[in-house]
Amino acid sequence: MSELNSQTQAAILRQLFGDNRAEWPASNFRDLFVTPTYLTKLEARRPCILVGGRGTGKTTALQSLKFDSCLERLKQSGQSFGDQEYFGFLIRINKNRVRSFHGRDETLDWSKYFSHYFNLLACVELNSLAIWLQEQSGKVLPSVAIQAVAIDLGILDFSGVSTLELGVAIKNQISRLQLKVNNPTSSLELVLSMAESPIRTFVDALEEHGLLDGRTIFCCIDEYENLLDYQQAILNTYIKHASPPPVL
């Protein structure tokens, strides 16, 4: 019995002090989150860079800006969905994947392929936001808007009518793109989206059909330093050309 109690205590200690990180979210992550003093600066409607050493809570702070996590924080202070002033989504840069958009093979325009990749990543998150907004507001994004996003992303064979179907199609497109990038001489055909365009199309649709109600969308990019120089330049251009409702 004493051995069992020791194992239980050890598990509790690991949960409280070992794995309480945004990368490995525990079920009680939001209950344990302590709002950092600089959070209001991240919530401002302007581009912002968060700098800090490893383990200082950068990812956790960005995670707290996500649309669902933000609402949970508001509920703890007695507020509700109607009080939410912004909707954030988070993209974590995977070094192993973004570094694949580089090489000696000149058959691919790496800039165009990376822009398409980021468009897909952002639209996956925007689609999750759209599903959540529909649940919170009771409003529905019409099929014509959903299909417009799919076309802008180069998913020309999309015939779905729901955000759930769009999410599956986007993830399939990401898989196809990754296969193409890793096998540049293959015959796999892709239609590449224009830089920033699908993101703007998606955000405009959310606003037009009343799901945003004038509120800001934040795109939080974690581990930005994993990007190559040309990739950072592309995203800097996205930020430069952001316009109301702000996307980046």
C-alpha atoms as a PDB file:
ATOM      1  CA  MET A   1       0.000   0.000   0.000  1.00  0.00           C
ATOM      2  CA  SER A   2       2.835   2.373   0.893  1.00  0.00           C
ATOM      3  CA  GLU A   3       4.512   1.651  -2.450  1.00  0.00           C
ATOM      4  CA  LEU A   4       1.259   2.526  -4.278  1.00  0.00           C
ATOM      5  CA  ASN A   5       0.967   5.782  -2.336  1.00  0.00           C
ATOM      6  CA  SER A   6       4.549   6.649  -3.233  1.00  0.00           C
ATOM      7  CA  GLN A   7       3.845   6.047  -6.920  1.00  0.00           C
ATOM      8  CA  THR A   8       0.705   8.197  -6.717  1.00  0.00           C
ATOM      9  CA  GLN A   9       2.587  11.006  -5.020  1.00  0.00           C
ATOM     10  CA  ALA A  10       5.364  10.815  -7.610  1.00  0.00           C
ATOM     11  CA  ALA A  11       2.800  11.019 -10.423  1.00  0.00           C
ATOM     12  CA  ILE A  12       1.209  14.098  -8.837  1.00  0.00           C
ATOM     13  CA  LEU A  13       4.607  15.778  -8.464  1.00  0.00           C
ATOM     14  CA  ARG A  14       5.482  15.039 -12.094  1.00  0.00           C
ATOM     15  CA  GLN A  15       2.173  16.520 -13.208  1.00  0.00           C
ATOM     16  CA  LEU A  16       2.586  19.689 -11.154  1.00  0.00           C
ATOM     17  CA  PHE A  17       6.275  20.349 -11.647  1.00  0.00           C
ATOM     18  CA  GLY A  18       7.421  18.276 -14.608  1.00  0.00           C
ATOM     19  CA  ASP A  19       4.927  18.382 -17.453  1.00  0.00           C
ATOM     20  CA  ASN A  20       3.122  21.673 -16.866  1.00  0.00           C
ATOM     21  CA  ARG A  21       4.106  23.166 -20.202  1.00  0.00           C
ATOM     22  CA  ALA A  22       2.071  24.317 -23.183  1.00  0.00           C
ATOM     23  CA  GLU A  23       3.866  21.767 -25.383  1.00  0.00           C
ATOM     24  CA  TRP A  24       2.386  18.971 -23.253  1.00  0.00           C
ATOM     25  CA  PRO A  25      -0.933  20.480 -22.126  1.00  0.00           C
ATOM     26  CA  ALA A  26      -2.445  18.944 -19.021  1.00  0.00           C
ATOM     27  CA  SER A  27      -6.175  18.886 -18.415  1.00  0.00           C
ATOM     28  CA  ASN A  28      -5.767  21.566 -15.747  1.00  0.00           C
ATOM     29  CA  PHE A  29      -3.461  23.817 -17.809  1.00  0.00           C
ATOM     30  CA  ARG A  30      -5.890  26.739 -17.853  1.00  0.00           C
ATOM     31  CA  ASP A  31      -6.557  26.485 -14.121  1.00  0.00           C
ATOM     32  CA  LEU A  32      -2.843  26.695 -13.362  1.00  0.00           C
ATOM     33  CA  PHE A  33      -2.026  29.443 -15.857  1.00  0.00           C
ATOM     34  CA  VAL A  34      -0.867  32.682 -14.246  1.00  0.00           C
ATOM     35  CA  THR A  35      -1.350  35.764 -16.420  1.00  0.00           C
ATOM     36  CA  PRO A  36       2.044  37.373 -17.142  1.00  0.00           C
ATOM     37  CA  THR A  37       2.408  41.105 -16.569  1.00  0.00           C
ATOM     38  CA  TYR A  38       3.201  41.675 -20.256  1.00  0.00           C
ATOM     39  CA  LEU A  39       0.062  39.994 -21.629  1.00  0.00           C
ATOM     40  CA  THR A  40      -1.673  43.303 -22.406  1.00  0.00           C
ATOM     41  CA  LYS A  41       1.210  44.176 -24.736  1.00  0.00           C
ATOM     42  CA  LEU A  42       0.621  40.954 -26.660  1.00  0.00           C
ATOM     43  CA  GLU A  43      -3.081  41.770 -26.867  1.00  0.00           C
ATOM     44  CA  ALA A  44      -2.459  45.156 -28.513  1.00  0.00           C
ATOM     45  CA  ARG A  45      -3.534  45.530 -32.157  1.00  0.00           C
ATOM     46  CA  ARG A  46      -0.033  45.759 -33.572  1.00  0.00           C
ATOM     47  CA  PRO A  47       2.759  43.322 -34.512  1.00  0.00           C
ATOM     48  CA  CYS A  48       4.694  42.160 -31.466  1.00  0.00           C
ATOM     49  CA  ILE A  49       7.790  40.007 -30.876  1.00  0.00           C
ATOM     50  CA  LEU A  50       8.118  38.011 -27.650  1.00  0.00           C
ATOM     51  CA  VAL A  51      11.741  37.242 -26.773  1.00  0.00           C
ATOM     52  CA  GLY A  52      12.972  35.063 -23.927  1.00  0.00           C
ATOM     53  CA  GLY A  53      15.141  32.097 -23.027  1.00  0.00           C
ATOM     54  CA  ARG A  54      14.090  28.480 -23.163  1.00  0.00           C
ATOM     55  CA  GLY A  55      11.508  27.596 -20.524  1.00  0.00           C
ATOM     56  CA  THR A  56      10.512  31.178 -19.720  1.00  0.00           C
ATOM     57  CA  GLY A  57       6.878  30.677 -20.721  1.00  0.00           C
ATOM     58  CA  LYS A  58       6.736  32.118 -24.237  1.00  0.00           C
ATOM     59  CA  THR A  59       4.732  29.222 -25.689  1.00  0.00           C
ATOM     60  CA  THR A  60       2.439  29.191 -22.662  1.00  0.00           C
ATOM     61  CA  ALA A  61       1.742  32.907 -23.072  1.00  0.00           C
ATOM     62  CA  LEU A  62       0.935  32.459 -26.761  1.00  0.00           C
ATOM     63  CA  GLN A  63      -1.247  29.464 -25.971  1.00  0.00           C
ATOM     64  CA  SER A  64      -3.259  31.648 -23.588  1.00  0.00           C
ATOM     65  CA  LEU A  65      -4.126  33.954 -26.496  1.00  0.00           C
ATOM     66  CA  LYS A  66      -5.871  31.169 -28.406  1.00  0.00           C
ATOM     67  CA  PHE A  67      -9.594  31.726 -28.867  1.00  0.00           C
ATOM     68  CA  ASP A  68     -10.706  28.919 -26.564  1.00  0.00           C
ATOM     69  CA  SER A  69      -8.072  29.484 -23.865  1.00  0.00           C
ATOM     70  CA  CYS A  70      -8.856  33.192 -23.835  1.00  0.00           C
ATOM     71  CA  LEU A  71     -12.542  32.486 -23.256  1.00  0.00           C
ATOM     72  CA  GLU A  72     -11.702  30.180 -20.352  1.00  0.00           C
ATOM     73  CA  ARG A  73      -9.699  32.997 -18.735  1.00  0.00           C
ATOM     74  CA  LEU A  74     -12.627  35.366 -19.192  1.00  0.00           C
ATOM     75  CA  LYS A  75     -15.046  32.885 -17.630  1.00  0.00           C
ATOM     76  CA  GLN A  76     -12.858  32.657 -14.551  1.00  0.00           C
ATOM     77  CA  SER A  77     -13.405  36.387 -14.040  1.00  0.00           C
ATOM     78  CA  GLY A  78     -17.169  36.151 -14.612  1.00  0.00           C
ATOM     79  CA  GLN A  79     -17.138  37.265 -18.257  1.00  0.00           C
ATOM     80  CA  SER A  80     -18.496  35.517 -21.335  1.00  0.00           C
ATOM     81  CA  PHE A  81     -18.046  35.062 -25.095  1.00  0.00           C
ATOM     82  CA  GLY A  82     -19.609  38.474 -25.731  1.00  0.00           C
ATOM     83  CA  ASP A  83     -16.781  40.115 -23.776  1.00  0.00           C
ATOM     84  CA  GLN A  84     -14.043  38.538 -25.894  1.00  0.00           C
ATOM     85  CA  GLU A  85     -12.258  41.272 -27.842  1.00  0.00           C
ATOM     86  CA  TYR A  86     -10.037  39.112 -30.055  1.00  0.00           C
ATOM     87  CA  PHE A  87      -9.603  35.577 -31.346  1.00  0.00           C
ATOM     88  CA  GLY A  88      -6.090  34.185 -31.499  1.00  0.00           C
ATOM     89  CA  PHE A  89      -4.785  31.097 -33.213  1.00  0.00           C
ATOM     90  CA  LEU A  90      -1.349  29.540 -32.850  1.00  0.00           C
ATOM     91  CA  ILE A  91       1.063  28.150 -35.434  1.00  0.00           C
ATOM     92  CA  ARG A  92       4.151  26.414 -34.105  1.00  0.00           C
ATOM     93  CA  ILE A  93       7.009  26.331 -36.591  1.00  0.00           C
ATOM     94  CA  ASN A  94       8.338  22.799 -37.005  1.00  0.00           C
ATOM     95  CA  LYS A  95      12.035  23.072 -37.837  1.00  0.00           C
ATOM     96  CA  ASN A  96      12.191  19.666 -39.523  1.00  0.00           C
ATOM     97  CA  ARG A  97       9.433  20.645 -41.947  1.00  0.00           C
ATOM     98  CA  VAL A  98      10.172  24.271 -42.808  1.00  0.00           C
ATOM     99  CA  ARG A  99      13.818  23.434 -43.512  1.00  0.00           C
ATOM    100  CA  SER A 100      12.601  21.016 -46.182  1.00  0.00           C
ATOM    101  CA  PHE A 101      11.600  24.022 -48.296  1.00  0.00           C
ATOM    102  CA  HIS A 102      15.197  24.523 -49.299  1.00  0.00           C
ATOM    103  CA  GLY A 103      17.681  22.735 -51.509  1.00  0.00           C
ATOM    104  CA  ARG A 104      19.606  22.626 -54.746  1.00  0.00           C
ATOM    105  CA  ASP A 105      16.687  21.361 -56.791  1.00  0.00           C
ATOM    106  CA  GLU A 106      15.715  24.269 -59.044  1.00  0.00           C
ATOM    107  CA  THR A 107      12.540  22.656 -60.352  1.00  0.00           C
ATOM    108  CA  LEU A 108      10.582  24.131 -57.451  1.00  0.00           C
ATOM    109  CA  ASP A 109      10.149  27.778 -56.543  1.00  0.00           C
ATOM    110  CA  TRP A 110      10.734  27.383 -52.810  1.00  0.00           C
ATOM    111  CA  SER A 111       9.238  30.780 -51.964  1.00  0.00           C
ATOM    112  CA  LYS A 112       5.924  29.920 -53.610  1.00  0.00           C
ATOM    113  CA  TYR A 113       5.837  26.477 -52.025  1.00  0.00           C
ATOM    114  CA  PHE A 114       6.561  27.839 -48.567  1.00  0.00           C
ATOM    115  CA  SER A 115       3.916  30.570 -48.917  1.00  0.00           C
ATOM    116  CA  HIS A 116       1.418  27.898 -49.906  1.00  0.00           C
ATOM    117  CA  TYR A 117       2.474  25.795 -46.910  1.00  0.00           C
ATOM    118  CA  PHE A 118       1.979  28.663 -44.476  1.00  0.00           C
ATOM    119  CA  ASN A 119      -1.389  29.499 -46.062  1.00  0.00           C
ATOM    120  CA  LEU A 120      -2.496  25.921 -45.438  1.00  0.00           C
ATOM    121  CA  LEU A 121      -1.250  25.918 -41.838  1.00  0.00           C
ATOM    122  CA  ALA A 122      -3.025  29.200 -41.106  1.00  0.00           C
ATOM    123  CA  CYS A 123      -6.264  28.048 -42.735  1.00  0.00           C
ATOM    124  CA  VAL A 124      -6.275  24.831 -40.695  1.00  0.00           C
ATOM    125  CA  GLU A 125      -6.261  26.993 -37.573  1.00  0.00           C
ATOM    126  CA  LEU A 126      -8.786  29.459 -38.990  1.00  0.00           C
ATOM    127  CA  ASN A 127     -11.054  26.536 -39.796  1.00  0.00           C
ATOM    128  CA  SER A 128     -10.842  25.348 -36.183  1.00  0.00           C
ATOM    129  CA  LEU A 129     -11.705  28.903 -35.147  1.00  0.00           C
ATOM    130  CA  ALA A 130     -14.654  28.928 -37.562  1.00  0.00           C
ATOM    131  CA  ILE A 131     -16.030  25.690 -36.109  1.00  0.00           C
ATOM    132  CA  TRP A 132     -15.682  27.093 -32.591  1.00  0.00           C
ATOM    133  CA  LEU A 133     -17.303  30.416 -33.544  1.00  0.00           C
ATOM    134  CA  GLN A 134     -20.257  28.586 -35.062  1.00  0.00           C
ATOM    135  CA  GLU A 135     -20.725  26.715 -31.791  1.00  0.00           C
ATOM    136  CA  GLN A 136     -20.456  29.871 -29.700  1.00  0.00           C
ATOM    137  CA  SER A 137     -22.573  32.192 -31.853  1.00  0.00           C
ATOM    138  CA  GLY A 138     -25.061  29.828 -33.462  1.00  0.00           C
ATOM    139  CA  LYS A 139     -24.230  31.351 -36.855  1.00  0.00           C
ATOM    140  CA  VAL A 140     -23.094  29.235 -39.792  1.00  0.00           C
ATOM    141  CA  LEU A 141     -20.506  29.906 -42.456  1.00  0.00           C
ATOM    142  CA  PRO A 142     -22.329  29.240 -45.750  1.00  0.00           C
ATOM    143  CA  SER A 143     -21.091  26.650 -48.210  1.00  0.00           C
ATOM    144  CA  VAL A 144     -20.311  29.273 -50.863  1.00  0.00           C
ATOM    145  CA  ALA A 145     -17.800  30.908 -48.496  1.00  0.00           C
ATOM    146  CA  ILE A 146     -16.299  27.539 -47.568  1.00  0.00           C
ATOM    147  CA  GLN A 147     -15.863  26.621 -51.218  1.00  0.00           C
ATOM    148  CA  ALA A 148     -14.270  30.008 -51.962  1.00  0.00           C
ATOM    149  CA  VAL A 149     -11.589  29.304 -49.343  1.00  0.00           C
ATOM    150  CA  ALA A 150     -10.950  25.853 -50.835  1.00  0.00           C
ATOM    151  CA  ILE A 151     -10.520  27.309 -54.326  1.00  0.00           C
ATOM    152  CA  ASP A 152      -8.137  29.993 -53.039  1.00  0.00           C
ATOM    153  CA  LEU A 153      -6.081  27.189 -51.470  1.00  0.00           C
ATOM    154  CA  GLY A 154      -5.885  25.340 -54.774  1.00  0.00           C
ATOM    155  CA  ILE A 155      -8.226  22.538 -53.660  1.00  0.00           C
ATOM    156  CA  LEU A 156     -10.140  22.642 -56.906  1.00  0.00           C
ATOM    157  CA  ASP A 157     -11.914  19.293 -56.506  1.00  0.00           C
ATOM    158  CA  PHE A 158     -13.516  20.241 -53.182  1.00  0.00           C
ATOM    159  CA  SER A 159     -17.258  19.570 -53.102  1.00  0.00           C
ATOM    160  CA  GLY A 160     -17.939  19.815 -49.366  1.00  0.00           C
ATOM    161  CA  VAL A 161     -20.407  22.176 -47.731  1.00  0.00           C
ATOM    162  CA  SER A 162     -19.191  22.284 -44.109  1.00  0.00           C
ATOM    163  CA  THR A 163     -16.192  23.524 -42.168  1.00  0.00           C
ATOM    164  CA  LEU A 164     -15.593  19.965 -40.967  1.00  0.00           C
ATOM    165  CA  GLU A 165     -15.195  18.807 -44.568  1.00  0.00           C
ATOM    166  CA  LEU A 166     -12.990  21.794 -45.350  1.00  0.00           C
ATOM    167  CA  GLY A 167     -10.704  20.912 -42.434  1.00  0.00           C
ATOM    168  CA  VAL A 168     -10.196  17.390 -43.772  1.00  0.00           C
ATOM    169  CA  ALA A 169      -9.491  18.709 -47.277  1.00  0.00           C
ATOM    170  CA  ILE A 170      -6.894  21.211 -46.047  1.00  0.00           C
ATOM    171  CA  LYS A 171      -5.056  18.586 -43.987  1.00  0.00           C
ATOM    172  CA  ASN A 172      -5.010  16.273 -47.014  1.00  0.00           C
ATOM    173  CA  GLN A 173      -3.574  19.116 -49.077  1.00  0.00           C
ATOM    174  CA  ILE A 174      -0.824  19.648 -46.500  1.00  0.00           C
ATOM    175  CA  SER A 175       0.088  15.974 -46.767  1.00  0.00           C
ATOM    176  CA  ARG A 176       0.218  16.202 -50.574  1.00  0.00           C
ATOM    177  CA  LEU A 177       2.414  19.286 -50.386  1.00  0.00           C
ATOM    178  CA  GLN A 178       4.837  17.628 -47.967  1.00  0.00           C
ATOM    179  CA  LEU A 179       5.149  14.631 -50.271  1.00  0.00           C
ATOM    180  CA  LYS A 180       5.845  16.900 -53.229  1.00  0.00           C
ATOM    181  CA  VAL A 181       8.474  18.921 -51.377  1.00  0.00           C
ATOM    182  CA  ASN A 182      10.216  15.747 -50.226  1.00  0.00           C
ATOM    183  CA  ASN A 183       9.996  14.267 -53.739  1.00  0.00           C
ATOM    184  CA  PRO A 184      10.415  17.306 -56.025  1.00  0.00           C
ATOM    185  CA  THR A 185      10.876  15.264 -59.194  1.00  0.00           C
ATOM    186  CA  SER A 186       7.677  13.270 -58.688  1.00  0.00           C
ATOM    187  CA  SER A 187       4.688  13.722 -60.988  1.00  0.00           C
ATOM    188  CA  LEU A 188       2.429  14.766 -58.104  1.00  0.00           C
ATOM    189  CA  GLU A 189       0.602  17.897 -59.255  1.00  0.00           C
ATOM    190  CA  LEU A 190      -0.331  20.747 -56.945  1.00  0.00           C
ATOM    191  CA  VAL A 191      -2.040  24.083 -57.491  1.00  0.00           C
ATOM    192  CA  LEU A 192      -0.250  26.633 -55.308  1.00  0.00           C
ATOM    193  CA  SER A 193      -2.120  29.417 -53.560  1.00  0.00           C
ATOM    194  CA  MET A 194      -1.012  33.039 -53.696  1.00  0.00           C
ATOM    195  CA  ALA A 195       0.791  34.468 -50.670  1.00  0.00           C
ATOM    196  CA  GLU A 196      -1.671  35.621 -47.959  1.00  0.00           C
ATOM    197  CA  SER A 197      -4.716  35.458 -50.265  1.00  0.00           C
ATOM    198  CA  PRO A 198      -6.546  32.418 -48.771  1.00  0.00           C
ATOM    199  CA  ILE A 199      -6.031  33.768 -45.242  1.00  0.00           C
ATOM    200  CA  ARG A 200      -7.611  37.062 -46.234  1.00  0.00           C
ATOM    201  CA  THR A 201     -10.457  35.251 -48.009  1.00  0.00           C
ATOM    202  CA  PHE A 202     -11.173  33.179 -44.894  1.00  0.00           C
ATOM    203  CA  VAL A 203     -11.069  36.123 -42.478  1.00  0.00           C
ATOM    204  CA  ASP A 204     -13.227  38.282 -44.758  1.00  0.00           C
ATOM    205  CA  ALA A 205     -15.802  35.465 -44.946  1.00  0.00           C
ATOM    206  CA  LEU A 206     -15.915  35.167 -41.149  1.00  0.00           C
ATOM    207  CA  GLU A 207     -16.468  38.912 -40.855  1.00  0.00           C
ATOM    208  CA  GLU A 208     -18.980  39.158 -43.710  1.00  0.00           C
ATOM    209  CA  HIS A 209     -21.196  36.447 -42.244  1.00  0.00           C
ATOM    210  CA  GLY A 210     -21.188  37.862 -38.725  1.00  0.00           C
ATOM    211  CA  LEU A 211     -18.951  35.386 -36.935  1.00  0.00           C
ATOM    212  CA  LEU A 212     -16.284  37.936 -35.960  1.00  0.00           C
ATOM    213  CA  ASP A 213     -18.557  40.874 -35.212  1.00  0.00           C
ATOM    214  CA  GLY A 214     -15.709  43.308 -35.794  1.00  0.00           C
ATOM    215  CA  ARG A 215     -13.259  41.589 -33.460  1.00  0.00           C
ATOM    216  CA  THR A 216      -9.555  41.164 -34.223  1.00  0.00           C
ATOM    217  CA  ILE A 217      -7.860  37.928 -35.221  1.00  0.00           C
ATOM    218  CA  PHE A 218      -4.331  37.360 -33.926  1.00  0.00           C
ATOM    219  CA  CYS A 219      -1.952  34.911 -35.587  1.00  0.00           C
ATOM    220  CA  CYS A 220       0.607  33.782 -32.998  1.00  0.00           C
ATOM    221  CA  ILE A 221       3.742  32.210 -34.458  1.00  0.00           C
ATOM    222  CA  ASP A 222       5.774  30.115 -32.033  1.00  0.00           C
ATOM    223  CA  GLU A 223       9.479  29.344 -32.620  1.00  0.00           C
ATOM    224  CA  TYR A 224       9.761  31.945 -35.356  1.00  0.00           C
ATOM    225  CA  GLU A 225      13.541  31.552 -35.214  1.00  0.00           C
ATOM    226  CA  ASN A 226      13.233  28.135 -36.861  1.00  0.00           C
ATOM    227  CA  LEU A 227      12.369  29.824 -40.164  1.00  0.00           C
ATOM    228  CA  LEU A 228      15.013  30.375 -42.830  1.00  0.00           C
ATOM    229  CA  ASP A 229      15.838  33.975 -43.739  1.00  0.00           C
ATOM    230  CA  TYR A 230      13.760  33.945 -46.937  1.00  0.00           C
ATOM    231  CA  GLN A 231      10.830  32.442 -45.011  1.00  0.00           C
ATOM    232  CA  GLN A 232      10.999  35.170 -42.378  1.00  0.00           C
ATOM    233  CA  ALA A 233      11.025  37.740 -45.183  1.00  0.00           C
ATOM    234  CA  ILE A 234       7.832  36.219 -46.618  1.00  0.00           C
ATOM    235  CA  LEU A 235       6.017  36.343 -43.270  1.00  0.00           C
ATOM    236  CA  ASN A 236       7.268  39.874 -42.645  1.00  0.00           C
ATOM    237  CA  THR A 237       5.533  40.824 -45.892  1.00  0.00           C
ATOM    238  CA  TYR A 238       2.328  39.157 -44.659  1.00  0.00           C
ATOM    239  CA  ILE A 239       2.518  41.288 -41.523  1.00  0.00           C
ATOM    240  CA  LYS A 240       3.295  44.474 -43.442  1.00  0.00           C
ATOM    241  CA  HIS A 241       0.219  44.113 -45.639  1.00  0.00           C
ATOM    242  CA  ALA A 242      -2.215  43.115 -42.890  1.00  0.00           C
ATOM    243  CA  SER A 243      -5.254  45.390 -42.829  1.00  0.00           C
ATOM    244  CA  PRO A 244      -8.494  45.548 -40.830  1.00  0.00           C
ATOM    245  CA  PRO A 245      -9.670  43.100 -39.677  1.00  0.00           C
ATOM    246  CA  PRO A 246      -5.983  42.415 -38.765  1.00  0.00           C
ATOM    247  CA  VAL A 247      -4.767  38.908 -39.511  1.00  0.00           C
ATOM    248  CA  LEU A 248      -1.109  39.079 -38.524  1.00  0.00           C
END
